[in-house]
Amino acid sequence: MSLLTRINADDVAFLLIDHQSGLFQTVKDIEVPTLRSNVSALARIAAIENIPVITTASEPKGPNGPLMPEIHEIAPHAVYVGRNGEVNAWDTPAFVDAVKATGKKKLIIAGVLTSVCVAFPSISAIAAGYEVFAVIDASGDMSPLSTQVTIARLQLAGVIPITTTAVISEILKTWKHKDAYTYAQALSAVMPNYQALIESYSKAQEVALETKK
């Protein structure tokens, strides 16, 4: 797999794994509201571009809790695949079948915990011949150290670590996109200060127009 590979809207699927309310309580390497906002931003881009989204939860009725509802609210085309106790989602045949059904060979994977729910299926997908990008800030783990160790393991396996902002920007490619404003909203959710930048620019344009009158 080339490390120069790029992400395009028409050749990728999003796998959002175990973003569950109970598991969120174990996350210590990123603020949970930030994590949820980043996951929601990915869902928004998937909805804009009709990118396939597959979600799964390890055991929604157990202590890990239910899947965060924002994903399916924002991207109603997302497909949920239940599991039968498998820790690695890739060990669930129905999950693998759902991935194959997308016809995509590039996978954007995020989940909780990074060291388990992201790492295990990412490495399995690499072994199955997929290109895999792990969205680190749309995932969460029990400590910064655990995340650092996991990133090293993923890189050794050929998985490409990436951020939510990079995924969105890579798919956007140009601000001449017909849905550029919606992309800007998604980026503002990931980077709250970016919203201030947009507001400042809009105000400057407004003042400039008033001055010309």
C-alpha atoms as a PDB file:
ATOM      1  CA  MET A   1       0.000   0.000   0.000  1.00  0.00           C
ATOM      2  CA  SER A   2       1.349   3.423  -0.964  1.00  0.00           C
ATOM      3  CA  LEU A   3       1.611   6.005   1.799  1.00  0.00           C
ATOM      4  CA  LEU A   4       0.904   8.592  -0.921  1.00  0.00           C
ATOM      5  CA  THR A   5      -2.642   7.312  -1.349  1.00  0.00           C
ATOM      6  CA  ARG A   6      -5.461   9.887  -1.297  1.00  0.00           C
ATOM      7  CA  ILE A   7      -9.028   9.683  -0.071  1.00  0.00           C
ATOM      8  CA  ASN A   8     -11.833  10.312  -2.549  1.00  0.00           C
ATOM      9  CA  ALA A   9     -15.560  10.389  -1.815  1.00  0.00           C
ATOM     10  CA  ASP A  10     -16.302   7.695  -4.379  1.00  0.00           C
ATOM     11  CA  ASP A  11     -13.769   5.081  -3.258  1.00  0.00           C
ATOM     12  CA  VAL A  12     -14.114   4.970   0.529  1.00  0.00           C
ATOM     13  CA  ALA A  13     -16.391   3.644   3.275  1.00  0.00           C
ATOM     14  CA  PHE A  14     -16.615   4.795   6.898  1.00  0.00           C
ATOM     15  CA  LEU A  15     -16.597   2.178   9.672  1.00  0.00           C
ATOM     16  CA  LEU A  16     -17.672   3.725  12.991  1.00  0.00           C
ATOM     17  CA  ILE A  17     -17.183   1.126  15.677  1.00  0.00           C
ATOM     18  CA  ASP A  18     -18.430   0.986  19.275  1.00  0.00           C
ATOM     19  CA  HIS A  19     -19.053   4.690  19.867  1.00  0.00           C
ATOM     20  CA  GLN A  20     -21.104   3.694  22.918  1.00  0.00           C
ATOM     21  CA  SER A  21     -22.181   5.710  25.940  1.00  0.00           C
ATOM     22  CA  GLY A  22     -20.681   3.279  28.457  1.00  0.00           C
ATOM     23  CA  LEU A  23     -17.349   3.067  26.688  1.00  0.00           C
ATOM     24  CA  PHE A  24     -17.157   6.861  26.490  1.00  0.00           C
ATOM     25  CA  GLN A  25     -16.729   6.859  30.266  1.00  0.00           C
ATOM     26  CA  THR A  26     -13.387   5.058  29.886  1.00  0.00           C
ATOM     27  CA  VAL A  27     -11.984   7.606  27.424  1.00  0.00           C
ATOM     28  CA  LYS A  28      -9.186   9.723  28.911  1.00  0.00           C
ATOM     29  CA  ASP A  29      -7.088  10.827  25.916  1.00  0.00           C
ATOM     30  CA  ILE A  30      -9.631  13.241  24.415  1.00  0.00           C
ATOM     31  CA  GLU A  31     -12.587  15.193  25.758  1.00  0.00           C
ATOM     32  CA  VAL A  32     -15.719  13.123  25.080  1.00  0.00           C
ATOM     33  CA  PRO A  33     -17.749  16.092  23.690  1.00  0.00           C
ATOM     34  CA  THR A  34     -14.900  16.721  21.246  1.00  0.00           C
ATOM     35  CA  LEU A  35     -14.814  13.051  20.304  1.00  0.00           C
ATOM     36  CA  ARG A  36     -18.566  12.964  19.672  1.00  0.00           C
ATOM     37  CA  SER A  37     -18.395  16.193  17.673  1.00  0.00           C
ATOM     38  CA  ASN A  38     -15.656  14.745  15.456  1.00  0.00           C
ATOM     39  CA  VAL A  39     -17.639  11.554  14.843  1.00  0.00           C
ATOM     40  CA  SER A  40     -20.712  13.632  13.985  1.00  0.00           C
ATOM     41  CA  ALA A  41     -18.631  15.676  11.523  1.00  0.00           C
ATOM     42  CA  LEU A  42     -17.593  12.477   9.734  1.00  0.00           C
ATOM     43  CA  ALA A  43     -21.231  11.408   9.572  1.00  0.00           C
ATOM     44  CA  ARG A  44     -22.150  14.772   8.095  1.00  0.00           C
ATOM     45  CA  ILE A  45     -19.591  14.438   5.302  1.00  0.00           C
ATOM     46  CA  ALA A  46     -20.761  10.893   4.636  1.00  0.00           C
ATOM     47  CA  ALA A  47     -24.311  12.196   4.286  1.00  0.00           C
ATOM     48  CA  ILE A  48     -23.250  14.952   1.863  1.00  0.00           C
ATOM     49  CA  GLU A  49     -21.320  12.588  -0.380  1.00  0.00           C
ATOM     50  CA  ASN A  50     -23.427   9.453   0.186  1.00  0.00           C
ATOM     51  CA  ILE A  51     -20.345   7.650   1.460  1.00  0.00           C
ATOM     52  CA  PRO A  52     -21.232   4.221   2.886  1.00  0.00           C
ATOM     53  CA  VAL A  53     -21.268   4.155   6.681  1.00  0.00           C
ATOM     54  CA  ILE A  54     -21.285   0.969   8.736  1.00  0.00           C
ATOM     55  CA  THR A  55     -21.787   1.132  12.487  1.00  0.00           C
ATOM     56  CA  THR A  56     -21.641  -1.581  15.102  1.00  0.00           C
ATOM     57  CA  ALA A  57     -21.810  -1.883  18.878  1.00  0.00           C
ATOM     58  CA  SER A  58     -20.205  -4.611  20.956  1.00  0.00           C
ATOM     59  CA  GLU A  59     -23.233  -5.146  23.207  1.00  0.00           C
ATOM     60  CA  PRO A  60     -25.758  -2.273  23.324  1.00  0.00           C
ATOM     61  CA  LYS A  61     -27.788  -3.921  26.111  1.00  0.00           C
ATOM     62  CA  GLY A  62     -24.753  -4.460  28.342  1.00  0.00           C
ATOM     63  CA  PRO A  63     -22.541  -2.094  30.326  1.00  0.00           C
ATOM     64  CA  ASN A  64     -20.899  -0.713  27.182  1.00  0.00           C
ATOM     65  CA  GLY A  65     -24.180   1.067  26.542  1.00  0.00           C
ATOM     66  CA  PRO A  66     -26.043   2.156  23.410  1.00  0.00           C
ATOM     67  CA  LEU A  67     -24.485   3.590  20.268  1.00  0.00           C
ATOM     68  CA  MET A  68     -24.391   7.387  20.136  1.00  0.00           C
ATOM     69  CA  PRO A  69     -27.541   8.352  18.206  1.00  0.00           C
ATOM     70  CA  GLU A  70     -26.024  11.273  16.293  1.00  0.00           C
ATOM     71  CA  ILE A  71     -24.448   9.052  13.645  1.00  0.00           C
ATOM     72  CA  HIS A  72     -27.696   7.595  12.330  1.00  0.00           C
ATOM     73  CA  GLU A  73     -29.549  10.887  12.805  1.00  0.00           C
ATOM     74  CA  ILE A  74     -27.057  12.780  10.657  1.00  0.00           C
ATOM     75  CA  ALA A  75     -26.422   9.946   8.178  1.00  0.00           C
ATOM     76  CA  PRO A  76     -29.702   8.005   7.950  1.00  0.00           C
ATOM     77  CA  HIS A  77     -28.244   5.825   5.199  1.00  0.00           C
ATOM     78  CA  ALA A  78     -25.781   4.326   7.710  1.00  0.00           C
ATOM     79  CA  VAL A  79     -26.074   0.567   8.163  1.00  0.00           C
ATOM     80  CA  TYR A  80     -25.952  -0.945  11.646  1.00  0.00           C
ATOM     81  CA  VAL A  81     -24.531  -4.449  12.050  1.00  0.00           C
ATOM     82  CA  GLY A  82     -25.039  -6.253  15.347  1.00  0.00           C
ATOM     83  CA  ARG A  83     -22.445  -8.592  16.815  1.00  0.00           C
ATOM     84  CA  ASN A  84     -22.664 -11.807  18.790  1.00  0.00           C
ATOM     85  CA  GLY A  85     -20.059 -11.026  21.418  1.00  0.00           C
ATOM     86  CA  GLU A  86     -17.063 -10.697  19.105  1.00  0.00           C
ATOM     87  CA  VAL A  87     -14.528  -8.170  20.424  1.00  0.00           C
ATOM     88  CA  ASN A  88     -13.031  -7.644  16.962  1.00  0.00           C
ATOM     89  CA  ALA A  89     -15.831  -6.462  14.657  1.00  0.00           C
ATOM     90  CA  TRP A  90     -13.987  -8.116  11.767  1.00  0.00           C
ATOM     91  CA  ASP A  91     -14.658 -11.497  13.403  1.00  0.00           C
ATOM     92  CA  THR A  92     -18.382 -10.956  12.769  1.00  0.00           C
ATOM     93  CA  PRO A  93     -19.179 -12.374   9.303  1.00  0.00           C
ATOM     94  CA  ALA A  94     -22.135 -10.005   8.828  1.00  0.00           C
ATOM     95  CA  PHE A  95     -19.874  -7.018   9.456  1.00  0.00           C
ATOM     96  CA  VAL A  96     -17.319  -8.166   6.880  1.00  0.00           C
ATOM     97  CA  ASP A  97     -20.135  -8.898   4.428  1.00  0.00           C
ATOM     98  CA  ALA A  98     -21.459  -5.358   4.917  1.00  0.00           C
ATOM     99  CA  VAL A  99     -18.010  -3.944   4.205  1.00  0.00           C
ATOM    100  CA  LYS A 100     -17.657  -6.062   1.068  1.00  0.00           C
ATOM    101  CA  ALA A 101     -21.131  -4.986  -0.074  1.00  0.00           C
ATOM    102  CA  THR A 102     -19.977  -1.353  -0.244  1.00  0.00           C
ATOM    103  CA  GLY A 103     -17.564  -2.289  -3.015  1.00  0.00           C
ATOM    104  CA  LYS A 104     -14.971   0.073  -1.509  1.00  0.00           C
ATOM    105  CA  LYS A 105     -11.352  -0.878  -0.901  1.00  0.00           C
ATOM    106  CA  LYS A 106     -10.416   2.127   1.237  1.00  0.00           C
ATOM    107  CA  LEU A 107     -11.759   2.217   4.775  1.00  0.00           C
ATOM    108  CA  ILE A 108     -11.931   5.112   7.213  1.00  0.00           C
ATOM    109  CA  ILE A 109     -12.141   3.563  10.691  1.00  0.00           C
ATOM    110  CA  ALA A 110     -12.864   5.219  14.026  1.00  0.00           C
ATOM    111  CA  GLY A 111     -14.040   3.771  17.312  1.00  0.00           C
ATOM    112  CA  VAL A 112     -13.809   3.341  21.056  1.00  0.00           C
ATOM    113  CA  LEU A 113     -11.437   2.060  22.306  1.00  0.00           C
ATOM    114  CA  THR A 114      -8.671   2.918  19.835  1.00  0.00           C
ATOM    115  CA  SER A 115      -6.423   0.121  21.098  1.00  0.00           C
ATOM    116  CA  VAL A 116      -9.133  -2.505  20.636  1.00  0.00           C
ATOM    117  CA  CYS A 117     -12.152  -1.494  18.574  1.00  0.00           C
ATOM    118  CA  VAL A 118     -10.077   0.440  16.035  1.00  0.00           C
ATOM    119  CA  ALA A 119      -6.825  -1.508  16.099  1.00  0.00           C
ATOM    120  CA  PHE A 120      -8.199  -5.039  15.768  1.00  0.00           C
ATOM    121  CA  PRO A 121     -10.490  -4.533  12.719  1.00  0.00           C
ATOM    122  CA  SER A 122      -7.988  -2.149  11.106  1.00  0.00           C
ATOM    123  CA  ILE A 123      -5.229  -4.744  11.213  1.00  0.00           C
ATOM    124  CA  SER A 124      -7.665  -7.450  10.074  1.00  0.00           C
ATOM    125  CA  ALA A 125      -8.812  -5.279   7.153  1.00  0.00           C
ATOM    126  CA  ILE A 126      -5.208  -4.656   6.104  1.00  0.00           C
ATOM    127  CA  ALA A 127      -4.636  -8.423   6.093  1.00  0.00           C
ATOM    128  CA  ALA A 128      -7.731  -8.790   3.903  1.00  0.00           C
ATOM    129  CA  GLY A 129      -6.292  -6.394   1.319  1.00  0.00           C
ATOM    130  CA  TYR A 130      -7.983  -3.108   2.225  1.00  0.00           C
ATOM    131  CA  GLU A 131      -6.347   0.298   2.583  1.00  0.00           C
ATOM    132  CA  VAL A 132      -7.120   1.604   6.059  1.00  0.00           C
ATOM    133  CA  PHE A 133      -7.071   5.062   7.626  1.00  0.00           C
ATOM    134  CA  ALA A 134      -7.585   5.254  11.403  1.00  0.00           C
ATOM    135  CA  VAL A 135      -9.148   8.529  12.536  1.00  0.00           C
ATOM    136  CA  ILE A 136      -7.408   9.046  15.864  1.00  0.00           C
ATOM    137  CA  ASP A 137      -9.379  12.067  17.102  1.00  0.00           C
ATOM    138  CA  ALA A 138     -12.715  10.432  16.235  1.00  0.00           C
ATOM    139  CA  SER A 139     -11.617   7.575  18.483  1.00  0.00           C
ATOM    140  CA  GLY A 140     -10.771   7.421  22.164  1.00  0.00           C
ATOM    141  CA  ASP A 141      -8.702   5.364  24.567  1.00  0.00           C
ATOM    142  CA  MET A 142      -8.015   4.942  28.271  1.00  0.00           C
ATOM    143  CA  SER A 143      -4.857   7.075  28.282  1.00  0.00           C
ATOM    144  CA  PRO A 144      -2.598   9.113  25.988  1.00  0.00           C
ATOM    145  CA  LEU A 145       0.057   6.402  26.398  1.00  0.00           C
ATOM    146  CA  SER A 146      -2.351   3.731  25.169  1.00  0.00           C
ATOM    147  CA  THR A 147      -3.120   5.853  22.123  1.00  0.00           C
ATOM    148  CA  GLN A 148       0.561   6.422  21.363  1.00  0.00           C
ATOM    149  CA  VAL A 149       1.337   2.713  21.605  1.00  0.00           C
ATOM    150  CA  THR A 150      -1.662   1.896  19.406  1.00  0.00           C
ATOM    151  CA  ILE A 151      -0.654   4.408  16.723  1.00  0.00           C
ATOM    152  CA  ALA A 152       2.773   2.764  16.590  1.00  0.00           C
ATOM    153  CA  ARG A 153       1.179  -0.668  16.252  1.00  0.00           C
ATOM    154  CA  LEU A 154      -1.187   0.525  13.519  1.00  0.00           C
ATOM    155  CA  GLN A 155       1.635   2.091  11.533  1.00  0.00           C
ATOM    156  CA  LEU A 156       3.675  -1.103  11.727  1.00  0.00           C
ATOM    157  CA  ALA A 157       0.668  -2.951  10.273  1.00  0.00           C
ATOM    158  CA  GLY A 158       0.338  -0.461   7.403  1.00  0.00           C
ATOM    159  CA  VAL A 159      -2.621   1.515   8.757  1.00  0.00           C
ATOM    160  CA  ILE A 160      -2.447   5.280   8.138  1.00  0.00           C
ATOM    161  CA  PRO A 161      -3.248   7.457  11.181  1.00  0.00           C
ATOM    162  CA  ILE A 162      -5.270  10.546  10.263  1.00  0.00           C
ATOM    163  CA  THR A 163      -7.362  13.277  11.870  1.00  0.00           C
ATOM    164  CA  THR A 164     -10.980  14.260  11.317  1.00  0.00           C
ATOM    165  CA  THR A 165      -9.971  17.593   9.789  1.00  0.00           C
ATOM    166  CA  ALA A 166      -7.658  15.826   7.346  1.00  0.00           C
ATOM    167  CA  VAL A 167     -10.397  13.377   6.289  1.00  0.00           C
ATOM    168  CA  ILE A 168     -12.888  16.187   5.672  1.00  0.00           C
ATOM    169  CA  SER A 169     -10.376  18.336   3.803  1.00  0.00           C
ATOM    170  CA  GLU A 170      -9.109  15.427   1.701  1.00  0.00           C
ATOM    171  CA  ILE A 171     -12.640  14.612   0.563  1.00  0.00           C
ATOM    172  CA  LEU A 172     -13.553  18.272   0.016  1.00  0.00           C
ATOM    173  CA  LYS A 173     -10.519  18.992  -2.191  1.00  0.00           C
ATOM    174  CA  THR A 174     -11.772  22.412  -3.359  1.00  0.00           C
ATOM    175  CA  TRP A 175     -13.809  25.246  -1.855  1.00  0.00           C
ATOM    176  CA  LYS A 176     -15.603  25.426  -5.202  1.00  0.00           C
ATOM    177  CA  HIS A 177     -17.524  22.337  -4.068  1.00  0.00           C
ATOM    178  CA  LYS A 178     -21.300  22.830  -4.350  1.00  0.00           C
ATOM    179  CA  ASP A 179     -21.679  21.957  -0.649  1.00  0.00           C
ATOM    180  CA  ALA A 180     -18.722  24.042   0.525  1.00  0.00           C
ATOM    181  CA  TYR A 181     -20.814  25.821   3.174  1.00  0.00           C
ATOM    182  CA  THR A 182     -21.846  22.504   4.738  1.00  0.00           C
ATOM    183  CA  TYR A 183     -18.221  21.407   4.724  1.00  0.00           C
ATOM    184  CA  ALA A 184     -17.320  24.653   6.480  1.00  0.00           C
ATOM    185  CA  GLN A 185     -19.936  23.881   9.125  1.00  0.00           C
ATOM    186  CA  ALA A 186     -18.454  20.423   9.632  1.00  0.00           C
ATOM    187  CA  LEU A 187     -14.963  21.867   9.972  1.00  0.00           C
ATOM    188  CA  SER A 188     -16.283  24.448  12.430  1.00  0.00           C
ATOM    189  CA  ALA A 189     -17.603  21.622  14.589  1.00  0.00           C
ATOM    190  CA  VAL A 190     -14.143  20.053  14.631  1.00  0.00           C
ATOM    191  CA  MET A 191     -12.310  23.382  14.980  1.00  0.00           C
ATOM    192  CA  PRO A 192     -14.566  25.797  16.922  1.00  0.00           C
ATOM    193  CA  ASN A 193     -12.117  28.648  16.296  1.00  0.00           C
ATOM    194  CA  TYR A 194     -12.687  28.192  12.579  1.00  0.00           C
ATOM    195  CA  GLN A 195     -16.243  29.425  13.100  1.00  0.00           C
ATOM    196  CA  ALA A 196     -14.781  32.650  14.497  1.00  0.00           C
ATOM    197  CA  LEU A 197     -12.614  32.926  11.382  1.00  0.00           C
ATOM    198  CA  ILE A 198     -15.681  32.579   9.148  1.00  0.00           C
ATOM    199  CA  GLU A 199     -17.588  35.153  11.167  1.00  0.00           C
ATOM    200  CA  SER A 200     -14.670  37.598  11.030  1.00  0.00           C
ATOM    201  CA  TYR A 201     -14.362  37.181   7.279  1.00  0.00           C
ATOM    202  CA  SER A 202     -18.105  37.613   6.746  1.00  0.00           C
ATOM    203  CA  LYS A 203     -18.093  40.788   8.850  1.00  0.00           C
ATOM    204  CA  ALA A 204     -15.091  42.178   6.975  1.00  0.00           C
ATOM    205  CA  GLN A 205     -16.858  41.564   3.661  1.00  0.00           C
ATOM    206  CA  GLU A 206     -19.963  43.248   5.000  1.00  0.00           C
ATOM    207  CA  VAL A 207     -17.994  46.307   6.130  1.00  0.00           C
ATOM    208  CA  ALA A 208     -16.164  46.487   2.815  1.00  0.00           C
ATOM    209  CA  LEU A 209     -19.456  46.529   0.908  1.00  0.00           C
ATOM    210  CA  GLU A 210     -20.838  49.222   3.190  1.00  0.00           C
ATOM    211  CA  THR A 211     -17.722  51.350   2.661  1.00  0.00           C
ATOM    212  CA  LYS A 212     -18.119  51.204  -1.121  1.00  0.00           C
ATOM    213  CA  LYS A 213     -21.666  52.589  -0.976  1.00  0.00           C
END
